Amino acid sequence: MTVALYCVMVASILPILATGMAKWGFRGFDNHQPREWLARQQGWRARANAAQQNSWEALAIFAAGVFAAHLAGAPRSTVDAIAVAFIFVRLAYLVCYVRDWSTLRSLVWAVGLGLSLSLYFLAPQRG
């Protein structure tokens, strides 16, 4: 398995990490209706939940980009480097969201999207 494919696995865990942050240490958590409970949260818990939702959305574009790059025969080292950068950017995004650094969060989000989209353009040019 390549580094980039491991990064897809890590990116799949990031939304779960964000949800765990929202639930962490809160005694009033209702596990019978966790989505409704999360929807009622405010402050950093609400932002962690929002980061979780955005992480699922970002995962689809990133994972498809990694698979497309692999299938197209893009240089493995380049795909791996972009994938690792994406993971670090998404971790920074999570921190920015929870800390309510909205402008920086938007910038970091755009960098992550750019990294994901760049994977689609790595195919060797033929013909």
N, C-alpha and C. Protein backbone atom coordinates (compact mmCIF):
# COMPACT_ATOMS: atom_id res chain seq x y z
N MET A 1 0.84 -1.17 0.00
CA MET A 1 0.00 0.00 0.00
C MET A 1 0.90 1.24 0.00
N THR A 2 0.49 2.25 -0.73
CA THR A 2 1.30 3.47 -0.84
C THR A 2 1.03 4.41 0.34
N VAL A 3 1.91 5.37 0.50
CA VAL A 3 1.73 6.39 1.53
C VAL A 3 0.42 7.14 1.29
N ALA A 4 0.13 7.45 0.04
CA ALA A 4 -1.10 8.18 -0.29
C ALA A 4 -2.34 7.39 0.11
N LEU A 5 -2.32 6.08 -0.07
CA LEU A 5 -3.48 5.28 0.33
C LEU A 5 -3.60 5.22 1.85
N TYR A 6 -2.50 5.21 2.55
CA TYR A 6 -2.56 5.32 4.01
C TYR A 6 -3.15 6.68 4.41
N CYS A 7 -2.82 7.70 3.65
CA CYS A 7 -3.37 9.03 3.93
C CYS A 7 -4.88 9.05 3.74
N VAL A 8 -5.39 8.29 2.77
CA VAL A 8 -6.85 8.17 2.60
C VAL A 8 -7.45 7.56 3.86
N MET A 9 -6.79 6.56 4.40
CA MET A 9 -7.28 5.95 5.64
C MET A 9 -7.27 6.96 6.78
N VAL A 10 -6.19 7.73 6.91
CA VAL A 10 -6.11 8.74 7.97
C VAL A 10 -7.19 9.80 7.76
N ALA A 11 -7.39 10.23 6.53
CA ALA A 11 -8.42 11.22 6.24
C ALA A 11 -9.81 10.69 6.58
N SER A 12 -9.97 9.39 6.51
CA SER A 12 -11.25 8.77 6.88
C SER A 12 -11.48 8.78 8.39
N ILE A 13 -10.40 8.89 9.14
CA ILE A 13 -10.49 8.90 10.60
C ILE A 13 -10.66 10.32 11.14
N LEU A 14 -10.24 11.32 10.39
CA LEU A 14 -10.30 12.71 10.86
C LEU A 14 -11.72 13.15 11.25
N PRO A 15 -12.78 12.79 10.49
CA PRO A 15 -14.12 13.19 10.94
C PRO A 15 -14.50 12.55 12.28
N ILE A 16 -14.06 11.34 12.49
CA ILE A 16 -14.34 10.64 13.75
C ILE A 16 -13.60 11.34 14.89
N LEU A 17 -12.38 11.78 14.62
CA LEU A 17 -11.61 12.54 15.61
C LEU A 17 -12.34 13.83 15.98
N ALA A 18 -12.88 14.53 14.99
CA ALA A 18 -13.60 15.78 15.25
C ALA A 18 -14.85 15.52 16.09
N THR A 19 -15.58 14.46 15.79
CA THR A 19 -16.76 14.13 16.58
C THR A 19 -16.37 13.78 18.00
N GLY A 20 -15.30 13.05 18.16
CA GLY A 20 -14.81 12.72 19.49
C GLY A 20 -14.47 13.96 20.29
N MET A 21 -13.90 14.96 19.60
CA MET A 21 -13.60 16.21 20.28
C MET A 21 -14.88 16.88 20.78
N ALA A 22 -15.91 16.86 19.95
CA ALA A 22 -17.18 17.50 20.32
C ALA A 22 -17.81 16.82 21.53
N LYS A 23 -17.63 15.52 21.64
CA LYS A 23 -18.25 14.76 22.73
C LYS A 23 -17.37 14.65 23.96
N TRP A 24 -16.08 14.92 23.82
CA TRP A 24 -15.09 14.66 24.86
C TRP A 24 -15.44 15.35 26.17
N GLY A 25 -15.48 14.57 27.24
CA GLY A 25 -15.59 15.09 28.59
C GLY A 25 -16.90 15.77 28.94
N PHE A 26 -17.92 15.62 28.12
CA PHE A 26 -19.19 16.28 28.40
C PHE A 26 -20.13 15.29 29.07
N ARG A 27 -20.48 15.55 30.29
CA ARG A 27 -21.28 14.61 31.06
C ARG A 27 -22.72 14.48 30.55
N GLY A 28 -23.23 15.51 29.90
CA GLY A 28 -24.61 15.48 29.44
C GLY A 28 -24.80 14.86 28.07
N PHE A 29 -23.78 14.21 27.54
CA PHE A 29 -23.88 13.60 26.21
C PHE A 29 -24.98 12.53 26.20
N ASP A 30 -25.83 12.59 25.20
CA ASP A 30 -26.93 11.64 25.06
C ASP A 30 -26.61 10.66 23.93
N ASN A 31 -26.16 9.47 24.29
CA ASN A 31 -25.79 8.48 23.30
C ASN A 31 -27.01 7.81 22.67
N HIS A 32 -28.19 8.05 23.21
CA HIS A 32 -29.41 7.53 22.60
C HIS A 32 -29.78 8.33 21.35
N GLN A 33 -29.45 9.62 21.34
CA GLN A 33 -29.71 10.49 20.20
C GLN A 33 -28.51 11.41 19.97
N PRO A 34 -27.39 10.82 19.56
CA PRO A 34 -26.16 11.61 19.47
C PRO A 34 -26.21 12.73 18.43
N ARG A 35 -26.88 12.53 17.32
CA ARG A 35 -26.92 13.58 16.30
C ARG A 35 -27.74 14.78 16.76
N GLU A 36 -28.84 14.49 17.42
CA GLU A 36 -29.65 15.58 17.94
C GLU A 36 -28.89 16.34 19.03
N TRP A 37 -28.17 15.60 19.88
CA TRP A 37 -27.38 16.23 20.93
C TRP A 37 -26.30 17.13 20.32
N LEU A 38 -25.60 16.62 19.31
CA LEU A 38 -24.55 17.40 18.67
C LEU A 38 -25.13 18.65 18.00
N ALA A 39 -26.32 18.54 17.42
CA ALA A 39 -26.94 19.68 16.75
C ALA A 39 -27.28 20.80 17.72
N ARG A 40 -27.46 20.49 18.98
CA ARG A 40 -27.80 21.50 19.99
C ARG A 40 -26.58 22.14 20.65
N GLN A 41 -25.40 21.69 20.32
CA GLN A 41 -24.20 22.21 20.98
C GLN A 41 -23.87 23.61 20.49
N GLN A 42 -23.10 24.32 21.30
CA GLN A 42 -22.67 25.67 20.96
C GLN A 42 -21.16 25.77 21.19
N GLY A 43 -20.61 26.88 20.74
CA GLY A 43 -19.18 27.13 20.96
C GLY A 43 -18.29 26.13 20.25
N TRP A 44 -17.19 25.78 20.91
CA TRP A 44 -16.19 24.93 20.27
C TRP A 44 -16.73 23.54 19.97
N ARG A 45 -17.68 23.05 20.76
CA ARG A 45 -18.25 21.73 20.46
C ARG A 45 -19.04 21.77 19.15
N ALA A 46 -19.80 22.82 18.94
CA ALA A 46 -20.53 22.97 17.68
C ALA A 46 -19.57 23.10 16.51
N ARG A 47 -18.48 23.83 16.72
CA ARG A 47 -17.49 23.98 15.64
C ARG A 47 -16.78 22.66 15.36
N ALA A 48 -16.50 21.86 16.37
CA ALA A 48 -15.89 20.54 16.15
C ALA A 48 -16.84 19.67 15.35
N ASN A 49 -18.12 19.74 15.64
CA ASN A 49 -19.11 18.97 14.88
C ASN A 49 -19.17 19.46 13.43
N ALA A 50 -19.11 20.77 13.22
CA ALA A 50 -19.10 21.31 11.86
C ALA A 50 -17.84 20.87 11.12
N ALA A 51 -16.71 20.84 11.81
CA ALA A 51 -15.47 20.37 11.20
C ALA A 51 -15.59 18.91 10.80
N GLN A 52 -16.30 18.14 11.62
CA GLN A 52 -16.54 16.73 11.28
C GLN A 52 -17.33 16.62 9.99
N GLN A 53 -18.37 17.41 9.85
CA GLN A 53 -19.18 17.36 8.64
C GLN A 53 -18.37 17.77 7.42
N ASN A 54 -17.57 18.83 7.55
CA ASN A 54 -16.75 19.26 6.43
C ASN A 54 -15.67 18.23 6.09
N SER A 55 -15.19 17.53 7.10
CA SER A 55 -14.16 16.51 6.86
C SER A 55 -14.69 15.37 6.01
N TRP A 56 -15.95 15.00 6.22
CA TRP A 56 -16.55 13.96 5.36
C TRP A 56 -16.63 14.46 3.92
N GLU A 57 -17.02 15.73 3.75
CA GLU A 57 -17.12 16.30 2.41
C GLU A 57 -15.76 16.34 1.72
N ALA A 58 -14.73 16.75 2.44
CA ALA A 58 -13.39 16.85 1.87
C ALA A 58 -12.82 15.47 1.54
N LEU A 59 -13.21 14.47 2.30
CA LEU A 59 -12.71 13.11 2.08
C LEU A 59 -13.04 12.60 0.69
N ALA A 60 -14.25 12.86 0.22
CA ALA A 60 -14.67 12.34 -1.08
C ALA A 60 -13.79 12.86 -2.21
N ILE A 61 -13.53 14.16 -2.21
CA ILE A 61 -12.70 14.76 -3.27
C ILE A 61 -11.27 14.26 -3.18
N PHE A 62 -10.75 14.20 -1.96
CA PHE A 62 -9.37 13.75 -1.75
C PHE A 62 -9.19 12.29 -2.15
N ALA A 63 -10.04 11.42 -1.64
CA ALA A 63 -9.89 9.98 -1.93
C ALA A 63 -10.01 9.71 -3.43
N ALA A 64 -10.99 10.32 -4.06
CA ALA A 64 -11.15 10.12 -5.50
C ALA A 64 -9.92 10.63 -6.25
N GLY A 65 -9.34 11.75 -5.79
CA GLY A 65 -8.14 12.27 -6.42
C GLY A 65 -6.95 11.34 -6.28
N VAL A 66 -6.79 10.75 -5.10
CA VAL A 66 -5.70 9.78 -4.90
C VAL A 66 -5.90 8.58 -5.82
N PHE A 67 -7.11 8.06 -5.87
CA PHE A 67 -7.37 6.89 -6.72
C PHE A 67 -7.18 7.23 -8.20
N ALA A 68 -7.64 8.41 -8.61
CA ALA A 68 -7.47 8.83 -10.00
C ALA A 68 -5.99 8.96 -10.35
N ALA A 69 -5.22 9.55 -9.46
CA ALA A 69 -3.78 9.72 -9.71
C ALA A 69 -3.09 8.36 -9.81
N HIS A 70 -3.46 7.44 -8.92
CA HIS A 70 -2.87 6.09 -8.98
C HIS A 70 -3.24 5.39 -10.28
N LEU A 71 -4.50 5.45 -10.64
CA LEU A 71 -4.95 4.77 -11.86
C LEU A 71 -4.32 5.37 -13.12
N ALA A 72 -4.05 6.66 -13.09
CA ALA A 72 -3.47 7.33 -14.25
C ALA A 72 -1.95 7.15 -14.34
N GLY A 73 -1.38 6.54 -13.32
CA GLY A 73 0.06 6.32 -13.33
C GLY A 73 0.88 7.54 -12.99
N ALA A 74 0.32 8.42 -12.20
CA ALA A 74 1.05 9.62 -11.77
C ALA A 74 2.26 9.22 -10.93
N PRO A 75 3.27 10.05 -10.88
CA PRO A 75 4.46 9.72 -10.09
C PRO A 75 4.10 9.50 -8.61
N ARG A 76 4.46 8.34 -8.14
CA ARG A 76 4.09 7.95 -6.77
C ARG A 76 4.60 8.92 -5.72
N SER A 77 5.82 9.37 -5.86
CA SER A 77 6.40 10.27 -4.86
C SER A 77 5.63 11.59 -4.80
N THR A 78 5.18 12.07 -5.94
CA THR A 78 4.41 13.31 -5.98
C THR A 78 3.05 13.12 -5.34
N VAL A 79 2.39 12.03 -5.69
CA VAL A 79 1.07 11.73 -5.10
C VAL A 79 1.20 11.58 -3.59
N ASP A 80 2.23 10.86 -3.15
CA ASP A 80 2.44 10.68 -1.71
C ASP A 80 2.67 12.01 -1.00
N ALA A 81 3.49 12.88 -1.61
CA ALA A 81 3.79 14.18 -0.99
C ALA A 81 2.53 15.04 -0.88
N ILE A 82 1.72 15.05 -1.92
CA ILE A 82 0.48 15.84 -1.89
C ILE A 82 -0.47 15.27 -0.83
N ALA A 83 -0.54 13.95 -0.75
CA ALA A 83 -1.43 13.32 0.22
C ALA A 83 -1.01 13.63 1.65
N VAL A 84 0.27 13.57 1.93
CA VAL A 84 0.76 13.89 3.28
C VAL A 84 0.49 15.36 3.59
N ALA A 85 0.72 16.23 2.62
CA ALA A 85 0.44 17.65 2.83
C ALA A 85 -1.05 17.86 3.12
N PHE A 86 -1.91 17.14 2.41
CA PHE A 86 -3.35 17.25 2.64
C PHE A 86 -3.70 16.90 4.08
N ILE A 87 -3.11 15.83 4.60
CA ILE A 87 -3.40 15.43 5.98
C ILE A 87 -2.99 16.52 6.96
N PHE A 88 -1.81 17.08 6.78
CA PHE A 88 -1.38 18.16 7.68
C PHE A 88 -2.27 19.39 7.56
N VAL A 89 -2.68 19.70 6.35
CA VAL A 89 -3.56 20.85 6.14
C VAL A 89 -4.92 20.60 6.80
N ARG A 90 -5.42 19.39 6.69
CA ARG A 90 -6.73 19.09 7.30
C ARG A 90 -6.65 19.06 8.82
N LEU A 91 -5.52 18.66 9.37
CA LEU A 91 -5.34 18.76 10.82
C LEU A 91 -5.32 20.24 11.24
N ALA A 92 -4.64 21.06 10.47
CA ALA A 92 -4.64 22.50 10.75
C ALA A 92 -6.04 23.07 10.62
N TYR A 93 -6.79 22.60 9.65
CA TYR A 93 -8.17 23.04 9.46
C TYR A 93 -9.00 22.73 10.70
N LEU A 94 -8.85 21.54 11.22
CA LEU A 94 -9.59 21.13 12.41
C LEU A 94 -9.24 22.05 13.59
N VAL A 95 -7.98 22.33 13.78
CA VAL A 95 -7.56 23.23 14.86
C VAL A 95 -8.15 24.62 14.64
N CYS A 96 -8.06 25.13 13.42
CA CYS A 96 -8.60 26.46 13.13
C CYS A 96 -10.10 26.52 13.38
N TYR A 97 -10.81 25.48 13.03
CA TYR A 97 -12.26 25.47 13.21
C TYR A 97 -12.61 25.48 14.70
N VAL A 98 -12.00 24.60 15.46
CA VAL A 98 -12.30 24.49 16.89
C VAL A 98 -11.90 25.77 17.62
N ARG A 99 -10.79 26.39 17.24
CA ARG A 99 -10.30 27.61 17.90
C ARG A 99 -11.02 28.87 17.40
N ASP A 100 -11.88 28.71 16.40
CA ASP A 100 -12.67 29.80 15.83
C ASP A 100 -11.80 30.85 15.13
N TRP A 101 -10.81 30.38 14.42
CA TRP A 101 -9.97 31.24 13.60
C TRP A 101 -10.54 31.20 12.18
N SER A 102 -11.64 31.88 11.96
CA SER A 102 -12.43 31.70 10.75
C SER A 102 -11.70 32.09 9.46
N THR A 103 -10.98 33.19 9.46
CA THR A 103 -10.29 33.60 8.24
C THR A 103 -9.18 32.63 7.88
N LEU A 104 -8.38 32.25 8.86
CA LEU A 104 -7.33 31.28 8.62
C LEU A 104 -7.92 29.93 8.23
N ARG A 105 -9.02 29.56 8.86
CA ARG A 105 -9.70 28.31 8.52
C ARG A 105 -10.09 28.29 7.05
N SER A 106 -10.64 29.38 6.55
CA SER A 106 -11.04 29.44 5.15
C SER A 106 -9.84 29.32 4.22
N LEU A 107 -8.75 29.95 4.58
CA LEU A 107 -7.53 29.86 3.78
C LEU A 107 -7.00 28.42 3.78
N VAL A 108 -6.97 27.81 4.94
CA VAL A 108 -6.49 26.43 5.06
C VAL A 108 -7.41 25.48 4.27
N TRP A 109 -8.71 25.73 4.34
CA TRP A 109 -9.66 24.92 3.57
C TRP A 109 -9.35 25.00 2.08
N ALA A 110 -9.09 26.22 1.59
CA ALA A 110 -8.80 26.41 0.17
C ALA A 110 -7.52 25.68 -0.24
N VAL A 111 -6.51 25.71 0.63
CA VAL A 111 -5.27 24.97 0.34
C VAL A 111 -5.56 23.48 0.24
N GLY A 112 -6.36 22.95 1.17
CA GLY A 112 -6.71 21.53 1.12
C GLY A 112 -7.45 21.17 -0.15
N LEU A 113 -8.40 22.02 -0.56
CA LEU A 113 -9.13 21.77 -1.80
C LEU A 113 -8.18 21.79 -2.98
N GLY A 114 -7.27 22.76 -2.99
CA GLY A 114 -6.29 22.83 -4.08
C GLY A 114 -5.41 21.58 -4.15
N LEU A 115 -5.00 21.08 -2.99
CA LEU A 115 -4.20 19.86 -2.98
C LEU A 115 -5.00 18.69 -3.54
N SER A 116 -6.24 18.57 -3.12
CA SER A 116 -7.09 17.47 -3.62
C SER A 116 -7.26 17.56 -5.14
N LEU A 117 -7.57 18.75 -5.62
CA LEU A 117 -7.78 18.92 -7.05
C LEU A 117 -6.50 18.70 -7.85
N SER A 118 -5.36 19.04 -7.27
CA SER A 118 -4.10 18.87 -7.99
C SER A 118 -3.84 17.40 -8.33
N LEU A 119 -4.38 16.51 -7.52
CA LEU A 119 -4.19 15.08 -7.78
C LEU A 119 -4.79 14.65 -9.11
N TYR A 120 -5.84 15.32 -9.53
CA TYR A 120 -6.50 14.97 -10.79
C TYR A 120 -5.67 15.37 -12.01
N PHE A 121 -4.72 16.27 -11.82
CA PHE A 121 -3.94 16.80 -12.94
C PHE A 121 -2.54 16.20 -13.02
N LEU A 122 -2.31 15.15 -12.27
CA LEU A 122 -0.97 14.54 -12.24
C LEU A 122 -0.77 13.45 -13.28
N ALA A 123 -1.80 13.11 -13.99
CA ALA A 123 -1.67 12.03 -14.97
C ALA A 123 -0.65 12.43 -16.04
N PRO A 124 0.17 11.49 -16.44
CA PRO A 124 1.13 11.81 -17.51
C PRO A 124 0.39 12.26 -18.76
N GLN A 125 0.91 13.27 -19.41
CA GLN A 125 0.28 13.77 -20.63
C GLN A 125 0.65 12.84 -21.79
N ARG A 126 -0.36 12.35 -22.44
CA ARG A 126 -0.14 11.42 -23.57
C ARG A 126 -0.70 12.02 -24.85
N GLY A 127 -0.02 11.75 -25.92
CA GLY A 127 -0.50 12.00 -27.22
C GLY A 127 -0.72 13.31 -27.73
